[in-house]
Amino acid sequence: MIKAIFFDIDGTLVSSRTHRVPQSALDALEAVRRRGIRLFIATGRHYSDLNNIGSLSFDAYVTLNGQYCYDDRGVIYKNCIRKEDIAAVVSRLESDPFACMFIEEHRMYMNRMDERAREAQRLINFPDPDIRPARTALDADIYQLMPFVGQEHGEALMRELHHSRSTRWNPIFMDVVPEGGSKRVGIEAVMRAYGLDRSETMAFGDGQNDIEMLRHAAVGIAMGNAAEEVRRAADYVTASIDDDGVALALRHFGLI
């Protein structure tokens, strides 16, 4: 029996076209909660950027692709990138000055703004972040990096980061997290905190960074707007969020 559902945000709960949660999803989540099912967020976003889910409330939040998880009682789990990898990125930026977001526990900043970064900010409807020297990150715990680079450039960068891994949900940038880190790891921490078994979980996602989460949950649901590799990782493919995909899937599995 499903007792908990984990939702990605962008492209899953929130339309990439309207930047809003459609009414069909709002109504569906309210109906699910009335049945006593717990609702969780599992996103690549920082907790300070959960600005597009309206009045929805969740039991706990898996953020930064699993590296920072919390609920109303406090932090459940956190995991930062090793210092030597941060030093490698900072060194690389001195000779190859691409835009990169550095994400700490309580703040985010970029070393510079360029057209690729501006386009990404427009796509996810974010305001421009603070600009700080990359070397600021050397004295901080960094939980996630967002280099605004293409595939080939990103692969070259990752060859220098020996204790980190990367994933993408957009071709404009990638998310870099500690080796072994993922939404799956964050979800497992939340499951332990709430006494949940894998057999009791469902997950919704649409991006590459959702693949491990979809495979790990008892029922993994890919949105209709998901890439083919994400669809292959899922147990069920629903419609896109703009076509009421969340509500349709929950109805298909008899949860509403």
Protein backbone atom coordinates (compact mmCIF):
# COMPACT_ATOMS: atom_id res chain seq x y z
CA MET A 1 0.00 0.00 0.00
CA ILE A 2 1.34 3.44 -0.93
CA LYS A 3 1.92 5.59 2.16
CA ALA A 4 4.27 8.26 0.76
CA ILE A 5 4.78 10.06 -2.56
CA PHE A 6 7.88 12.01 -3.60
CA PHE A 7 7.52 14.75 -6.21
CA ASP A 8 10.10 16.52 -8.31
CA ILE A 9 9.15 20.17 -8.91
CA ASP A 10 10.18 21.62 -12.27
CA GLY A 11 8.44 19.87 -15.16
CA THR A 12 6.70 17.51 -12.75
CA LEU A 13 4.56 19.44 -10.27
CA VAL A 14 5.22 22.82 -11.86
CA SER A 15 4.67 23.58 -15.53
CA SER A 16 7.77 24.80 -17.36
CA ARG A 17 5.41 26.89 -19.49
CA THR A 18 3.35 28.66 -16.81
CA HIS A 19 5.73 28.22 -13.81
CA ARG A 20 2.70 27.20 -11.76
CA VAL A 21 1.20 24.08 -10.22
CA PRO A 22 -1.96 23.38 -12.27
CA GLN A 23 -5.27 23.24 -10.45
CA SER A 24 -5.67 19.56 -11.30
CA ALA A 25 -2.47 18.74 -9.36
CA LEU A 26 -3.46 20.96 -6.43
CA ASP A 27 -6.81 19.17 -6.15
CA ALA A 28 -5.21 15.74 -6.53
CA LEU A 29 -2.62 16.33 -3.78
CA GLU A 30 -5.31 17.60 -1.44
CA ALA A 31 -7.33 14.43 -2.07
CA VAL A 32 -4.29 12.21 -1.50
CA ARG A 33 -3.47 13.94 1.78
CA ARG A 34 -7.02 13.39 3.00
CA ARG A 35 -6.34 9.66 2.64
CA GLY A 36 -3.44 9.97 5.07
CA ILE A 37 -0.68 9.59 2.46
CA ARG A 38 2.45 11.60 3.21
CA LEU A 39 3.72 14.01 0.57
CA PHE A 40 7.36 14.89 0.04
CA ILE A 41 9.35 17.12 -2.31
CA ALA A 42 12.46 15.76 -4.06
CA THR A 43 14.11 18.54 -6.06
CA GLY A 44 17.41 19.89 -7.29
CA ARG A 45 16.42 23.30 -5.96
CA HIS A 46 17.76 24.95 -2.81
CA TYR A 47 15.25 25.33 0.00
CA SER A 48 15.25 29.12 -0.46
CA ASP A 49 14.10 28.64 -4.07
CA LEU A 50 10.94 26.66 -3.36
CA ASN A 51 9.04 29.69 -4.59
CA ASN A 52 6.79 28.10 -7.19
CA ILE A 53 4.71 25.53 -5.32
CA GLY A 54 2.13 28.02 -4.13
CA SER A 55 0.39 27.18 -0.86
CA LEU A 56 1.21 23.47 -1.05
CA SER A 57 2.76 22.03 2.10
CA PHE A 58 4.76 18.83 2.39
CA ASP A 59 5.87 16.59 5.21
CA ALA A 60 9.56 16.92 4.35
CA TYR A 61 11.81 18.24 1.61
CA VAL A 62 14.65 16.50 -0.24
CA THR A 63 16.57 19.39 -1.83
CA LEU A 64 19.80 19.87 -3.77
CA ASN A 65 19.35 16.46 -5.40
CA GLY A 66 19.36 14.72 -2.04
CA GLN A 67 22.21 16.59 -0.38
CA TYR A 68 20.05 18.61 2.04
CA CYS A 69 16.87 17.13 3.55
CA TYR A 70 14.72 18.67 6.24
CA ASP A 71 11.27 18.98 7.75
CA ASP A 72 9.63 21.28 10.30
CA ARG A 73 11.71 19.69 13.07
CA GLY A 74 15.06 20.45 11.45
CA VAL A 75 17.71 18.91 9.19
CA ILE A 76 17.29 15.19 8.47
CA TYR A 77 20.39 14.69 6.33
CA LYS A 78 23.10 16.78 4.67
CA ASN A 79 26.17 15.94 2.62
CA CYS A 80 28.65 18.41 1.11
CA ILE A 81 31.16 18.18 -1.76
CA ARG A 82 34.74 17.41 -0.75
CA LYS A 83 37.05 20.40 -0.40
CA GLU A 84 39.55 19.16 -2.98
CA ASP A 85 36.86 19.11 -5.66
CA ILE A 86 35.78 22.65 -4.80
CA ALA A 87 39.42 23.73 -5.05
CA ALA A 88 39.65 22.03 -8.46
CA VAL A 89 36.60 23.93 -9.74
CA VAL A 90 37.92 27.25 -8.44
CA SER A 91 41.29 26.58 -10.08
CA ARG A 92 39.59 25.66 -13.38
CA LEU A 93 37.54 28.87 -13.32
CA GLU A 94 40.71 30.96 -13.15
CA SER A 95 41.73 29.76 -16.63
CA ASP A 96 38.29 28.86 -18.02
CA PRO A 97 35.84 31.47 -16.69
CA PHE A 98 32.43 29.88 -17.30
CA ALA A 99 29.48 30.75 -15.08
CA CYS A 100 29.06 28.49 -12.02
CA MET A 101 26.62 28.56 -9.12
CA PHE A 102 27.95 27.64 -5.68
CA ILE A 103 25.29 26.45 -3.23
CA GLU A 104 25.90 26.56 0.50
CA GLU A 105 23.47 25.62 3.26
CA HIS A 106 22.02 29.11 3.60
CA ARG A 107 23.07 31.01 0.47
CA MET A 108 23.81 30.72 -3.25
CA TYR A 109 26.06 32.81 -5.47
CA MET A 110 27.74 32.79 -8.86
CA ASN A 111 31.20 33.78 -9.96
CA ARG A 112 29.85 35.58 -13.03
CA MET A 113 26.78 35.91 -15.25
CA ASP A 114 26.82 34.99 -18.93
CA GLU A 115 24.21 34.34 -21.61
CA ARG A 116 23.92 30.62 -20.84
CA ALA A 117 23.30 31.39 -17.16
CA ARG A 118 20.78 34.10 -18.03
CA GLU A 119 18.86 31.68 -20.24
CA ALA A 120 18.78 29.08 -17.46
CA GLN A 121 17.51 31.67 -14.98
CA ARG A 122 14.71 32.57 -17.40
CA LEU A 123 13.75 28.94 -17.93
CA ILE A 124 13.28 28.25 -14.22
CA ASN A 125 12.00 31.74 -13.44
CA PHE A 126 14.75 32.57 -10.94
CA PRO A 127 16.00 36.06 -10.08
CA ASP A 128 19.68 36.73 -10.76
CA PRO A 129 21.83 35.53 -7.83
CA ASP A 130 24.57 37.39 -5.98
CA ILE A 131 27.90 37.58 -7.79
CA ARG A 132 30.91 36.72 -5.64
CA PRO A 133 34.48 35.62 -6.38
CA ALA A 134 34.72 31.87 -6.91
CA ARG A 135 37.34 31.70 -4.17
CA THR A 136 34.56 32.48 -1.66
CA ALA A 137 33.63 28.80 -1.92
CA LEU A 138 37.02 27.67 -0.60
CA ASP A 139 36.02 28.69 2.93
CA ALA A 140 32.51 27.20 2.88
CA ASP A 141 30.66 23.88 2.81
CA ILE A 142 29.27 23.51 -0.74
CA TYR A 143 26.40 21.08 -1.20
CA GLN A 144 25.90 21.47 -4.94
CA LEU A 145 27.53 23.15 -7.92
CA MET A 146 25.72 24.27 -11.06
CA PRO A 147 28.23 24.84 -13.89
CA PHE A 148 26.50 26.47 -16.86
CA VAL A 149 28.23 24.43 -19.54
CA GLY A 150 27.33 22.07 -22.36
CA GLN A 151 27.81 18.31 -22.43
CA GLU A 152 31.37 18.15 -23.74
CA HIS A 153 32.58 21.01 -21.55
CA GLY A 154 30.92 19.40 -18.55
CA GLU A 155 32.54 16.02 -19.18
CA ALA A 156 35.97 17.67 -19.29
CA LEU A 157 35.27 19.41 -15.98
CA MET A 158 34.10 16.21 -14.28
CA ARG A 159 37.36 14.47 -15.16
CA GLU A 160 39.00 16.87 -12.70
CA LEU A 161 36.48 16.26 -9.88
CA HIS A 162 37.45 12.89 -8.48
CA HIS A 163 34.93 12.75 -5.60
CA SER A 164 31.82 14.13 -7.32
CA ARG A 165 29.22 13.13 -9.87
CA SER A 166 27.01 15.12 -12.22
CA THR A 167 23.51 14.88 -13.59
CA ARG A 168 21.36 17.04 -15.84
CA TRP A 169 17.74 17.91 -16.26
CA ASN A 170 18.48 20.69 -18.77
CA PRO A 171 21.15 20.87 -21.53
CA ILE A 172 22.17 24.39 -20.48
CA PHE A 173 23.67 23.38 -17.14
CA MET A 174 24.43 20.43 -14.91
CA ASP A 175 24.15 19.68 -11.21
CA VAL A 176 27.30 18.47 -9.45
CA VAL A 177 26.92 16.65 -6.13
CA PRO A 178 29.17 14.43 -3.97
CA GLU A 179 30.04 11.01 -5.37
CA GLY A 180 27.31 8.62 -4.26
CA GLY A 181 24.86 11.46 -3.68
CA SER A 182 21.46 11.51 -5.39
CA LYS A 183 17.78 12.06 -4.77
CA ARG A 184 17.63 8.34 -3.96
CA VAL A 185 20.03 8.80 -1.04
CA GLY A 186 18.02 11.75 0.26
CA ILE A 187 14.79 9.82 -0.07
CA GLU A 188 16.27 6.91 1.89
CA ALA A 189 17.19 9.32 4.72
CA VAL A 190 13.63 10.68 4.78
CA MET A 191 12.18 7.17 4.68
CA ARG A 192 14.25 6.21 7.73
CA ALA A 193 13.14 9.35 9.58
CA TYR A 194 9.48 8.57 8.88
CA GLY A 195 9.63 4.80 9.32
CA LEU A 196 8.73 4.07 5.70
CA ASP A 197 9.58 1.03 3.59
CA ARG A 198 10.40 1.21 -0.12
CA SER A 199 7.33 -0.90 -0.85
CA GLU A 200 5.18 1.96 0.45
CA THR A 201 6.59 4.69 -1.83
CA MET A 202 5.76 6.31 -5.15
CA ALA A 203 7.80 8.94 -6.99
CA PHE A 204 7.10 11.37 -9.85
CA GLY A 205 9.81 12.91 -12.03
CA ASP A 206 10.78 14.08 -15.50
CA GLY A 207 14.55 14.73 -15.54
CA GLN A 208 17.77 12.76 -15.67
CA ASN A 209 18.32 13.59 -12.00
CA ASP A 210 15.08 11.72 -11.23
CA ILE A 211 16.11 8.38 -12.73
CA GLU A 212 17.55 6.83 -9.56
CA MET A 213 14.55 8.05 -7.57
CA LEU A 214 12.08 6.52 -10.03
CA ARG A 215 13.91 3.19 -9.98
CA HIS A 216 14.15 3.17 -6.19
CA ALA A 217 10.49 3.84 -5.38
CA ALA A 218 8.03 0.97 -5.44
CA VAL A 219 6.20 2.84 -8.21
CA GLY A 220 8.14 5.29 -10.39
CA ILE A 221 6.10 7.59 -12.61
CA ALA A 222 7.61 9.58 -15.49
CA MET A 223 5.82 12.63 -16.79
CA GLY A 224 4.80 12.76 -20.44
CA ASN A 225 7.31 15.56 -21.02
CA ALA A 226 10.19 13.36 -19.76
CA ALA A 227 13.09 12.30 -21.98
CA GLU A 228 13.14 8.72 -23.27
CA GLU A 229 15.80 7.55 -20.79
CA VAL A 230 13.63 8.79 -17.92
CA ARG A 231 10.58 7.03 -19.33
CA ARG A 232 12.54 3.77 -19.53
CA ALA A 233 13.41 4.04 -15.83
CA ALA A 234 9.75 4.39 -14.80
CA ASP A 235 7.05 1.84 -14.08
CA TYR A 236 4.42 4.07 -15.65
CA VAL A 237 4.39 7.07 -17.98
CA THR A 238 1.63 9.61 -17.46
CA ALA A 239 0.71 12.75 -19.40
CA SER A 240 2.69 15.98 -19.12
CA ILE A 241 2.06 18.29 -16.20
CA ASP A 242 0.27 20.71 -18.57
CA ASP A 243 -2.09 17.86 -19.52
CA ASP A 244 -2.96 16.94 -15.90
CA GLY A 245 -0.36 14.17 -15.67
CA VAL A 246 -0.13 14.09 -11.87
CA ALA A 247 -3.88 13.77 -11.38
CA LEU A 248 -4.21 11.18 -14.15
CA ALA A 249 -1.49 8.96 -12.65
CA LEU A 250 -2.88 9.14 -9.13
CA ARG A 251 -6.30 8.23 -10.51
CA HIS A 252 -4.80 5.36 -12.53
CA PHE A 253 -3.30 3.85 -9.35
CA GLY A 254 -6.51 4.34 -7.37
CA LEU A 255 -5.11 6.93 -4.96
CA ILE A 256 -7.78 9.50 -5.80
